């Protein structure tokens, strides 16, 4: 059995993803259990705190770390978006498995 206990983390994503890429966002968050959600007006983003089976265990009294999202985009020859994949970046290996990866979150912190 997978232990979820103390596998806390924070995620932040741009508000536009809710309207522009809802299914991709839902797919990325399918194992994430939200415990808190808030909207940040200054960065126009949504911040989630919750549990994920691949997050690192957080020690008692420690703050939940921020994790980033990977975004892999493909565009056709006319510049139209044909593929958009969002995934949670757990560690460097999971981040480097995607072509055209943009690390989101660090510019929002």
N, C-alpha and C. Protein backbone atom coordinates (compact mmCIF):
# COMPACT_ATOMS: atom_id res chain seq x y z
N UNK A 1 0.84 -1.19 0.00
CA UNK A 1 0.00 0.00 0.00
C UNK A 1 0.88 1.25 0.00
N UNK A 2 0.52 2.20 -0.83
CA UNK A 2 1.26 3.44 -0.95
C UNK A 2 0.96 4.35 0.23
N UNK A 3 2.00 4.86 0.87
CA UNK A 3 1.79 5.77 1.99
C UNK A 3 1.72 7.21 1.49
N UNK A 4 0.62 7.85 1.77
CA UNK A 4 0.44 9.25 1.40
C UNK A 4 0.83 10.16 2.55
N UNK A 5 1.03 9.58 3.70
CA UNK A 5 1.25 10.35 4.91
C UNK A 5 2.45 11.29 4.77
N UNK A 6 2.21 12.56 4.97
CA UNK A 6 3.23 13.62 4.99
C UNK A 6 3.90 13.85 3.64
N UNK A 7 3.29 13.46 2.54
CA UNK A 7 3.82 13.75 1.20
C UNK A 7 3.15 15.03 0.69
N UNK A 8 3.45 16.12 1.42
CA UNK A 8 2.85 17.41 1.11
C UNK A 8 3.66 18.15 0.06
N UNK A 9 2.97 18.99 -0.68
CA UNK A 9 3.64 19.85 -1.62
C UNK A 9 2.71 20.95 -2.08
N UNK A 10 3.30 21.96 -2.72
CA UNK A 10 2.53 23.08 -3.26
C UNK A 10 2.76 23.15 -4.75
N UNK A 11 1.71 23.52 -5.45
CA UNK A 11 1.76 23.72 -6.90
C UNK A 11 1.12 25.05 -7.22
N UNK A 12 1.61 25.69 -8.24
CA UNK A 12 1.02 26.95 -8.69
C UNK A 12 0.94 26.92 -10.21
N UNK A 13 -0.19 27.37 -10.74
CA UNK A 13 -0.35 27.40 -12.19
C UNK A 13 -1.13 28.64 -12.60
N UNK A 14 -0.92 29.12 -13.83
CA UNK A 14 -1.61 30.31 -14.31
C UNK A 14 -3.12 30.07 -14.42
N UNK A 15 -3.88 31.07 -14.09
CA UNK A 15 -5.34 30.99 -14.13
C UNK A 15 -5.86 30.59 -15.52
N UNK A 16 -5.16 30.98 -16.57
CA UNK A 16 -5.61 30.70 -17.93
C UNK A 16 -5.72 29.21 -18.23
N UNK A 17 -4.93 28.39 -17.53
CA UNK A 17 -5.00 26.95 -17.78
C UNK A 17 -6.39 26.39 -17.49
N UNK A 18 -7.12 27.00 -16.58
CA UNK A 18 -8.47 26.51 -16.24
C UNK A 18 -9.38 26.59 -17.46
N UNK A 19 -9.31 27.69 -18.19
CA UNK A 19 -10.14 27.86 -19.38
C UNK A 19 -9.51 27.28 -20.64
N UNK A 20 -8.20 27.44 -20.78
CA UNK A 20 -7.53 27.06 -22.02
C UNK A 20 -7.18 25.57 -22.11
N UNK A 21 -6.87 24.95 -20.97
CA UNK A 21 -6.41 23.55 -20.98
C UNK A 21 -6.96 22.77 -19.79
N UNK A 22 -8.29 22.74 -19.61
CA UNK A 22 -8.84 22.08 -18.42
C UNK A 22 -8.59 20.57 -18.37
N UNK A 23 -8.67 19.87 -19.49
CA UNK A 23 -8.49 18.43 -19.48
C UNK A 23 -7.03 18.05 -19.23
N UNK A 24 -6.11 18.82 -19.78
CA UNK A 24 -4.69 18.58 -19.54
C UNK A 24 -4.34 18.82 -18.07
N UNK A 25 -4.94 19.87 -17.48
CA UNK A 25 -4.70 20.16 -16.07
C UNK A 25 -5.27 19.06 -15.19
N UNK A 26 -6.47 18.59 -15.50
CA UNK A 26 -7.07 17.49 -14.74
C UNK A 26 -6.21 16.23 -14.84
N UNK A 27 -5.68 15.94 -16.01
CA UNK A 27 -4.83 14.76 -16.18
C UNK A 27 -3.56 14.88 -15.34
N UNK A 28 -2.97 16.07 -15.29
CA UNK A 28 -1.75 16.27 -14.50
C UNK A 28 -2.01 16.12 -13.01
N UNK A 29 -3.20 16.50 -12.57
CA UNK A 29 -3.52 16.49 -11.14
C UNK A 29 -4.30 15.25 -10.71
N UNK A 30 -4.35 14.22 -11.54
CA UNK A 30 -5.23 13.08 -11.24
C UNK A 30 -4.85 12.34 -9.96
N UNK A 31 -3.60 12.37 -9.51
CA UNK A 31 -3.21 11.72 -8.26
C UNK A 31 -3.03 12.71 -7.11
N UNK A 32 -3.26 13.97 -7.37
CA UNK A 32 -3.07 15.02 -6.38
C UNK A 32 -4.34 15.15 -5.53
N UNK A 33 -4.18 15.15 -4.20
CA UNK A 33 -5.31 15.35 -3.29
C UNK A 33 -5.17 16.75 -2.70
N UNK A 34 -6.01 17.70 -3.12
CA UNK A 34 -5.88 19.07 -2.62
C UNK A 34 -6.37 19.18 -1.18
N UNK A 35 -5.61 19.90 -0.38
CA UNK A 35 -5.98 20.19 0.99
C UNK A 35 -6.32 21.67 1.17
N UNK A 36 -5.76 22.49 0.29
CA UNK A 36 -6.01 23.93 0.34
C UNK A 36 -5.81 24.50 -1.05
N UNK A 37 -6.66 25.45 -1.41
CA UNK A 37 -6.53 26.14 -2.70
C UNK A 37 -6.75 27.62 -2.46
N UNK A 38 -5.96 28.44 -3.16
CA UNK A 38 -6.17 29.88 -3.06
C UNK A 38 -5.78 30.55 -4.37
N UNK A 39 -6.40 31.68 -4.62
CA UNK A 39 -6.09 32.45 -5.82
C UNK A 39 -5.17 33.59 -5.43
N UNK A 40 -4.08 33.74 -6.16
CA UNK A 40 -3.11 34.81 -5.93
C UNK A 40 -3.36 35.91 -6.95
N UNK A 41 -3.91 37.02 -6.51
CA UNK A 41 -4.27 38.12 -7.40
C UNK A 41 -3.04 38.79 -8.02
N UNK A 42 -1.94 38.83 -7.29
CA UNK A 42 -0.75 39.51 -7.80
C UNK A 42 -0.15 38.78 -9.00
N UNK A 43 -0.10 37.47 -8.93
CA UNK A 43 0.49 36.71 -10.04
C UNK A 43 -0.57 36.12 -10.96
N UNK A 44 -1.85 36.36 -10.65
CA UNK A 44 -2.96 35.84 -11.46
C UNK A 44 -2.83 34.33 -11.62
N UNK A 45 -2.62 33.64 -10.48
CA UNK A 45 -2.39 32.21 -10.51
C UNK A 45 -3.15 31.52 -9.37
N UNK A 46 -3.27 30.21 -9.50
CA UNK A 46 -3.91 29.37 -8.49
C UNK A 46 -2.81 28.61 -7.76
N UNK A 47 -2.87 28.62 -6.44
CA UNK A 47 -1.90 27.88 -5.64
C UNK A 47 -2.62 26.77 -4.90
N UNK A 48 -2.12 25.55 -5.04
CA UNK A 48 -2.69 24.39 -4.37
C UNK A 48 -1.70 23.82 -3.38
N UNK A 49 -2.18 23.40 -2.24
CA UNK A 49 -1.40 22.64 -1.28
C UNK A 49 -2.09 21.30 -1.12
N UNK A 50 -1.32 20.22 -1.19
CA UNK A 50 -1.95 18.92 -1.08
C UNK A 50 -0.96 17.78 -1.03
N UNK A 51 -1.50 16.59 -1.24
CA UNK A 51 -0.74 15.35 -1.18
C UNK A 51 -0.60 14.74 -2.57
N UNK A 52 0.55 14.15 -2.82
CA UNK A 52 0.78 13.42 -4.07
C UNK A 52 1.67 12.23 -3.72
N UNK A 53 1.41 11.05 -4.27
CA UNK A 53 2.19 9.88 -3.89
C UNK A 53 3.67 9.96 -4.24
N UNK A 54 4.05 10.84 -5.16
CA UNK A 54 5.46 10.95 -5.55
C UNK A 54 6.18 12.12 -4.88
N UNK A 55 5.46 12.95 -4.12
CA UNK A 55 6.12 14.04 -3.40
C UNK A 55 7.02 13.46 -2.32
N UNK A 56 8.06 14.21 -1.96
CA UNK A 56 8.93 13.81 -0.85
C UNK A 56 8.17 13.92 0.46
N UNK A 57 8.54 13.08 1.42
CA UNK A 57 7.96 13.14 2.76
C UNK A 57 8.47 14.41 3.43
N UNK A 58 7.55 15.17 4.03
CA UNK A 58 7.89 16.42 4.70
C UNK A 58 7.96 16.15 6.20
N UNK A 59 9.05 16.55 6.82
CA UNK A 59 9.21 16.36 8.25
C UNK A 59 8.23 17.19 9.05
N UNK A 60 7.94 16.71 10.25
CA UNK A 60 7.01 17.42 11.11
C UNK A 60 7.55 18.81 11.43
N UNK A 61 6.70 19.80 11.29
CA UNK A 61 7.08 21.18 11.52
C UNK A 61 7.73 21.86 10.33
N UNK A 62 7.97 21.13 9.24
CA UNK A 62 8.57 21.71 8.04
C UNK A 62 7.49 22.23 7.09
N UNK A 63 7.89 23.14 6.24
CA UNK A 63 6.97 23.68 5.23
C UNK A 63 6.91 22.76 4.02
N UNK A 64 5.76 22.75 3.39
CA UNK A 64 5.60 21.99 2.16
C UNK A 64 6.39 22.67 1.04
N UNK A 65 7.20 21.92 0.30
CA UNK A 65 7.98 22.53 -0.80
C UNK A 65 7.11 22.78 -2.03
N UNK A 66 7.58 23.70 -2.87
CA UNK A 66 6.91 23.94 -4.15
C UNK A 66 7.44 22.96 -5.18
N UNK A 67 6.53 22.42 -5.97
CA UNK A 67 6.87 21.60 -7.13
C UNK A 67 6.44 22.38 -8.36
N UNK A 68 7.09 22.12 -9.47
CA UNK A 68 6.79 22.83 -10.71
C UNK A 68 5.99 21.95 -11.66
N UNK A 69 5.48 22.57 -12.69
CA UNK A 69 4.82 21.85 -13.77
C UNK A 69 5.74 21.81 -14.98
N UNK A 70 5.69 20.73 -15.71
CA UNK A 70 6.31 20.64 -17.03
C UNK A 70 5.22 20.92 -18.05
N UNK A 71 5.56 21.65 -19.06
CA UNK A 71 4.62 21.86 -20.16
C UNK A 71 5.35 21.53 -21.44
N UNK A 72 4.81 20.58 -22.19
CA UNK A 72 5.36 20.23 -23.50
C UNK A 72 4.35 20.69 -24.54
N UNK A 73 4.78 21.58 -25.40
CA UNK A 73 3.90 22.14 -26.44
C UNK A 73 4.41 21.76 -27.81
N UNK A 74 3.48 21.45 -28.68
CA UNK A 74 3.81 21.24 -30.08
C UNK A 74 2.95 22.18 -30.90
N UNK A 75 3.55 22.79 -31.90
CA UNK A 75 2.80 23.66 -32.80
C UNK A 75 3.03 23.20 -34.23
N UNK A 76 2.05 23.46 -35.07
CA UNK A 76 2.21 23.09 -36.48
C UNK A 76 2.98 24.19 -37.20
N UNK A 77 3.15 24.01 -38.51
CA UNK A 77 3.94 24.97 -39.30
C UNK A 77 3.33 26.37 -39.34
N UNK A 78 2.04 26.49 -39.03
CA UNK A 78 1.39 27.81 -38.99
C UNK A 78 1.40 28.43 -37.60
N UNK A 79 2.02 27.73 -36.66
CA UNK A 79 2.10 28.26 -35.30
C UNK A 79 0.89 27.94 -34.43
N UNK A 80 -0.01 27.08 -34.93
CA UNK A 80 -1.18 26.69 -34.14
C UNK A 80 -0.81 25.56 -33.19
N UNK A 81 -1.33 25.65 -31.99
CA UNK A 81 -1.03 24.61 -31.01
C UNK A 81 -1.76 23.32 -31.37
N UNK A 82 -1.01 22.22 -31.45
CA UNK A 82 -1.63 20.94 -31.77
C UNK A 82 -1.52 19.95 -30.61
N UNK A 83 -0.65 20.21 -29.66
CA UNK A 83 -0.51 19.34 -28.51
C UNK A 83 -0.04 20.15 -27.33
N UNK A 84 -0.61 19.89 -26.17
CA UNK A 84 -0.27 20.60 -24.94
C UNK A 84 -0.33 19.57 -23.83
N UNK A 85 0.79 19.27 -23.20
CA UNK A 85 0.84 18.27 -22.13
C UNK A 85 1.37 18.93 -20.87
N UNK A 86 0.65 18.75 -19.78
CA UNK A 86 1.05 19.28 -18.48
C UNK A 86 1.36 18.09 -17.58
N UNK A 87 2.45 18.14 -16.86
CA UNK A 87 2.73 17.12 -15.86
C UNK A 87 3.44 17.78 -14.68
N UNK A 88 3.37 17.11 -13.54
CA UNK A 88 4.02 17.64 -12.35
C UNK A 88 5.48 17.21 -12.37
N UNK A 89 6.37 18.15 -12.11
CA UNK A 89 7.80 17.90 -12.07
C UNK A 89 8.16 17.49 -10.64
N UNK A 90 8.43 16.20 -10.45
CA UNK A 90 8.74 15.69 -9.12
C UNK A 90 10.23 15.81 -8.83
N UNK A 91 11.06 15.47 -9.79
CA UNK A 91 12.51 15.57 -9.62
C UNK A 91 13.13 15.88 -10.98
N UNK A 92 14.44 16.02 -11.01
CA UNK A 92 15.10 16.41 -12.26
C UNK A 92 14.85 15.39 -13.36
N UNK A 93 14.83 14.10 -13.02
CA UNK A 93 14.62 13.07 -14.03
C UNK A 93 13.25 13.19 -14.66
N UNK A 94 12.21 13.39 -13.85
CA UNK A 94 10.86 13.52 -14.41
C UNK A 94 10.72 14.81 -15.21
N UNK A 95 11.52 15.83 -14.87
CA UNK A 95 11.47 17.09 -15.62
C UNK A 95 12.16 16.96 -16.96
N UNK A 96 13.22 16.16 -17.03
CA UNK A 96 14.01 16.10 -18.25
C UNK A 96 13.46 15.11 -19.27
N UNK A 97 12.39 14.42 -18.97
CA UNK A 97 11.83 13.45 -19.91
C UNK A 97 10.93 14.08 -20.96
N UNK A 98 10.76 15.37 -20.95
CA UNK A 98 9.83 16.01 -21.86
C UNK A 98 10.57 16.92 -22.83
N UNK A 99 10.23 16.82 -24.11
CA UNK A 99 10.81 17.77 -25.07
C UNK A 99 10.14 19.13 -24.91
N UNK A 100 10.85 20.16 -25.20
CA UNK A 100 10.31 21.53 -25.15
C UNK A 100 9.71 21.86 -23.79
N UNK A 101 10.38 21.48 -22.73
CA UNK A 101 9.86 21.66 -21.38
C UNK A 101 10.06 23.11 -20.95
N UNK A 102 9.01 23.65 -20.37
CA UNK A 102 9.06 24.97 -19.75
C UNK A 102 8.77 24.76 -18.28
N UNK A 103 9.64 25.20 -17.41
CA UNK A 103 9.42 25.03 -15.99
C UNK A 103 8.58 26.20 -15.49
N UNK A 104 7.35 25.89 -15.16
CA UNK A 104 6.44 26.91 -14.67
C UNK A 104 6.42 26.82 -13.16
N UNK A 105 6.19 27.92 -12.53
CA UNK A 105 6.16 27.93 -11.07
C UNK A 105 7.28 28.80 -10.54
N UNK A 106 8.48 28.64 -11.05
CA UNK A 106 9.59 29.42 -10.53
C UNK A 106 9.41 30.91 -10.82
N UNK A 107 8.83 31.24 -11.95
CA UNK A 107 8.62 32.66 -12.24
C UNK A 107 7.39 33.20 -11.52
N UNK A 108 6.61 32.30 -10.90
CA UNK A 108 5.43 32.75 -10.17
C UNK A 108 5.69 32.86 -8.69
N UNK A 109 6.81 32.29 -8.21
CA UNK A 109 7.10 32.28 -6.77
C UNK A 109 7.48 33.65 -6.26
